[in-house]
Amino acid sequence: MPLFLDYPALEIKSLDMVKLLLAVSTYHHPDNITLPRGYEPPHLAISPMYWKAWLLMLIMAAYNPTKFGNLTSKT
């Protein structure tokens, strides 16, 4: 019996990885620019990184359907 059959291919124990992937794709405006008083810049994402994060989450969901299914049923 091959050794790799004893271990799951990609086991996710915590869904913090989803939050981390989406946080990495967040755009932050430069600190050296001045914004108008009272202006709150919108929350934006860097498009290529955002879609790569979704592809990674799709792969994780394919290997862990019950974990991701429980997450979607709670929201």
N, C-alpha and C. Protein backbone atom coordinates (compact mmCIF):
# COMPACT_ATOMS: atom_id res chain seq x y z
N MET A 1 0.84 -1.18 0.00
CA MET A 1 0.00 0.00 0.00
C MET A 1 0.89 1.25 0.00
N PRO A 2 0.67 2.17 -0.95
CA PRO A 2 1.49 3.39 -1.00
C PRO A 2 1.30 4.25 0.25
N LEU A 3 2.34 4.91 0.63
CA LEU A 3 2.34 5.74 1.83
C LEU A 3 1.40 6.93 1.71
N PHE A 4 1.26 7.51 0.52
CA PHE A 4 0.46 8.72 0.37
C PHE A 4 -1.03 8.48 0.55
N LEU A 5 -1.50 7.27 0.54
CA LEU A 5 -2.93 7.00 0.74
C LEU A 5 -3.35 7.16 2.20
N ASP A 6 -2.40 7.20 3.10
CA ASP A 6 -2.70 7.35 4.52
C ASP A 6 -3.01 8.79 4.94
N TYR A 7 -2.73 9.74 4.07
CA TYR A 7 -2.88 11.14 4.42
C TYR A 7 -3.83 11.83 3.44
N PRO A 8 -4.64 12.78 3.93
CA PRO A 8 -5.50 13.53 3.01
C PRO A 8 -4.66 14.42 2.10
N ALA A 9 -5.16 14.68 0.90
CA ALA A 9 -4.39 15.46 -0.07
C ALA A 9 -4.19 16.90 0.38
N LEU A 10 -5.24 17.53 0.85
CA LEU A 10 -5.15 18.92 1.27
C LEU A 10 -6.21 19.14 2.35
N GLU A 11 -5.81 18.99 3.59
CA GLU A 11 -6.76 19.09 4.69
C GLU A 11 -6.73 20.49 5.29
N ILE A 12 -7.88 21.11 5.35
CA ILE A 12 -8.01 22.44 5.95
C ILE A 12 -8.68 22.28 7.31
N LYS A 13 -7.99 22.67 8.36
CA LYS A 13 -8.55 22.56 9.70
C LYS A 13 -9.19 23.87 10.15
N SER A 14 -8.71 24.98 9.63
CA SER A 14 -9.23 26.29 10.01
C SER A 14 -9.47 27.10 8.75
N LEU A 15 -10.55 27.85 8.75
CA LEU A 15 -10.88 28.66 7.58
C LEU A 15 -10.24 30.05 7.64
N ASP A 16 -9.26 30.22 8.51
CA ASP A 16 -8.54 31.49 8.56
C ASP A 16 -7.78 31.76 7.27
N MET A 17 -7.48 30.71 6.53
CA MET A 17 -6.77 30.87 5.26
C MET A 17 -7.61 31.68 4.27
N VAL A 18 -8.91 31.54 4.31
CA VAL A 18 -9.79 32.31 3.43
C VAL A 18 -9.65 33.80 3.73
N LYS A 19 -9.70 34.15 5.00
CA LYS A 19 -9.55 35.55 5.40
C LYS A 19 -8.18 36.08 5.02
N LEU A 20 -7.16 35.25 5.19
CA LEU A 20 -5.80 35.66 4.85
C LEU A 20 -5.65 35.90 3.35
N LEU A 21 -6.19 35.01 2.53
CA LEU A 21 -6.09 35.17 1.08
C LEU A 21 -6.78 36.46 0.62
N LEU A 22 -7.95 36.74 1.17
CA LEU A 22 -8.64 37.96 0.77
C LEU A 22 -7.95 39.20 1.33
N ALA A 23 -7.35 39.10 2.50
CA ALA A 23 -6.64 40.25 3.07
C ALA A 23 -5.39 40.59 2.26
N VAL A 24 -4.76 39.58 1.71
CA VAL A 24 -3.55 39.82 0.90
C VAL A 24 -3.89 40.60 -0.37
N SER A 25 -5.08 40.41 -0.89
CA SER A 25 -5.45 41.08 -2.14
C SER A 25 -6.02 42.49 -1.92
N THR A 26 -6.06 42.95 -0.69
CA THR A 26 -6.60 44.28 -0.39
C THR A 26 -5.63 45.38 -0.83
N TYR A 27 -6.19 46.41 -1.46
CA TYR A 27 -5.39 47.56 -1.88
C TYR A 27 -5.32 48.55 -0.74
N HIS A 28 -4.13 49.05 -0.46
CA HIS A 28 -3.91 50.09 0.54
C HIS A 28 -3.33 51.31 -0.17
N HIS A 29 -3.99 52.46 0.01
CA HIS A 29 -3.48 53.66 -0.65
C HIS A 29 -2.14 54.06 -0.05
N PRO A 30 -1.28 54.72 -0.83
CA PRO A 30 0.04 55.12 -0.33
C PRO A 30 -0.08 56.08 0.85
N ASP A 31 0.86 55.97 1.75
CA ASP A 31 0.86 56.83 2.93
C ASP A 31 1.36 58.25 2.63
N ASN A 32 2.07 58.41 1.53
CA ASN A 32 2.68 59.71 1.25
C ASN A 32 1.74 60.65 0.47
N ILE A 33 0.48 60.30 0.29
CA ILE A 33 -0.45 61.21 -0.37
C ILE A 33 -1.37 61.81 0.69
N THR A 34 -1.85 63.01 0.40
CA THR A 34 -2.77 63.66 1.34
C THR A 34 -4.18 63.53 0.77
N LEU A 35 -5.08 63.10 1.63
CA LEU A 35 -6.47 62.96 1.24
C LEU A 35 -7.26 64.13 1.81
N PRO A 36 -8.36 64.50 1.16
CA PRO A 36 -9.18 65.59 1.70
C PRO A 36 -9.68 65.26 3.11
N ARG A 37 -9.87 66.28 3.88
CA ARG A 37 -10.32 66.10 5.27
C ARG A 37 -11.68 65.42 5.29
N GLY A 38 -11.80 64.38 6.09
CA GLY A 38 -13.05 63.65 6.22
C GLY A 38 -13.29 62.60 5.15
N TYR A 39 -12.38 62.51 4.17
CA TYR A 39 -12.56 61.54 3.09
C TYR A 39 -12.12 60.16 3.57
N GLU A 40 -12.95 59.20 3.38
CA GLU A 40 -12.64 57.81 3.72
C GLU A 40 -12.46 57.04 2.40
N PRO A 41 -11.24 56.59 2.09
CA PRO A 41 -11.05 55.89 0.82
C PRO A 41 -11.83 54.57 0.81
N PRO A 42 -12.35 54.18 -0.36
CA PRO A 42 -13.13 52.95 -0.44
C PRO A 42 -12.23 51.72 -0.27
N HIS A 43 -12.84 50.63 0.14
CA HIS A 43 -12.11 49.37 0.25
C HIS A 43 -12.04 48.75 -1.15
N LEU A 44 -10.83 48.55 -1.62
CA LEU A 44 -10.61 48.03 -2.96
C LEU A 44 -9.74 46.78 -2.90
N ALA A 45 -9.73 46.04 -4.00
CA ALA A 45 -8.88 44.86 -4.11
C ALA A 45 -8.02 44.97 -5.35
N ILE A 46 -6.86 44.35 -5.31
CA ILE A 46 -5.98 44.27 -6.47
C ILE A 46 -6.50 43.10 -7.30
N SER A 47 -7.02 43.40 -8.47
CA SER A 47 -7.79 42.43 -9.25
C SER A 47 -7.07 41.10 -9.52
N PRO A 48 -5.84 41.09 -10.02
CA PRO A 48 -5.20 39.78 -10.28
C PRO A 48 -5.02 38.94 -9.02
N MET A 49 -4.67 39.61 -7.92
CA MET A 49 -4.47 38.87 -6.67
C MET A 49 -5.82 38.37 -6.12
N TYR A 50 -6.86 39.17 -6.30
CA TYR A 50 -8.19 38.80 -5.83
C TYR A 50 -8.68 37.53 -6.53
N TRP A 51 -8.53 37.47 -7.85
CA TRP A 51 -9.01 36.31 -8.60
C TRP A 51 -8.13 35.09 -8.37
N LYS A 52 -6.85 35.28 -8.13
CA LYS A 52 -5.99 34.14 -7.77
C LYS A 52 -6.40 33.58 -6.41
N ALA A 53 -6.77 34.47 -5.50
CA ALA A 53 -7.24 34.02 -4.19
C ALA A 53 -8.50 33.18 -4.34
N TRP A 54 -9.40 33.59 -5.23
CA TRP A 54 -10.61 32.81 -5.46
C TRP A 54 -10.30 31.45 -6.07
N LEU A 55 -9.32 31.39 -6.97
CA LEU A 55 -8.94 30.08 -7.53
C LEU A 55 -8.36 29.17 -6.46
N LEU A 56 -7.55 29.72 -5.58
CA LEU A 56 -7.01 28.92 -4.48
C LEU A 56 -8.11 28.44 -3.54
N MET A 57 -9.09 29.31 -3.27
CA MET A 57 -10.20 28.90 -2.42
C MET A 57 -11.06 27.84 -3.09
N LEU A 58 -11.18 27.89 -4.41
CA LEU A 58 -11.91 26.86 -5.15
C LEU A 58 -11.22 25.51 -5.01
N ILE A 59 -9.91 25.50 -5.11
CA ILE A 59 -9.14 24.26 -4.94
C ILE A 59 -9.30 23.73 -3.52
N MET A 60 -9.21 24.63 -2.54
CA MET A 60 -9.38 24.19 -1.15
C MET A 60 -10.79 23.64 -0.92
N ALA A 61 -11.79 24.26 -1.51
CA ALA A 61 -13.17 23.79 -1.35
C ALA A 61 -13.38 22.44 -2.02
N ALA A 62 -12.69 22.20 -3.11
CA ALA A 62 -12.82 20.92 -3.81
C ALA A 62 -12.28 19.77 -2.96
N TYR A 63 -11.25 20.03 -2.19
CA TYR A 63 -10.67 18.99 -1.34
C TYR A 63 -11.32 18.91 0.05
N ASN A 64 -12.07 19.94 0.43
CA ASN A 64 -12.70 19.99 1.74
C ASN A 64 -14.16 20.45 1.62
N PRO A 65 -14.99 19.70 0.92
CA PRO A 65 -16.37 20.18 0.68
C PRO A 65 -17.19 20.32 1.96
N THR A 66 -17.01 19.44 2.93
CA THR A 66 -17.82 19.55 4.14
C THR A 66 -17.42 20.77 4.97
N LYS A 67 -16.14 21.07 5.02
CA LYS A 67 -15.67 22.24 5.79
C LYS A 67 -16.21 23.53 5.18
N PHE A 68 -16.12 23.66 3.86
CA PHE A 68 -16.60 24.86 3.19
C PHE A 68 -18.11 24.89 3.13
N GLY A 69 -18.75 23.72 3.07
CA GLY A 69 -20.20 23.65 3.09
C GLY A 69 -20.76 24.13 4.41
N ASN A 70 -20.10 23.78 5.50
CA ASN A 70 -20.52 24.26 6.83
C ASN A 70 -20.38 25.77 6.92
N LEU A 71 -19.33 26.32 6.31
CA LEU A 71 -19.13 27.76 6.33
C LEU A 71 -20.26 28.47 5.60
N THR A 72 -20.65 27.97 4.44
CA THR A 72 -21.70 28.64 3.67
C THR A 72 -23.07 28.48 4.30
N SER A 73 -23.29 27.40 5.02
CA SER A 73 -24.61 27.23 5.64
C SER A 73 -24.77 28.13 6.87
N LYS A 74 -23.67 28.61 7.43
CA LYS A 74 -23.73 29.48 8.61
C LYS A 74 -23.99 30.92 8.24
N THR A 75 -23.72 31.30 6.98
CA THR A 75 -23.89 32.70 6.58
C THR A 75 -25.24 32.93 5.95
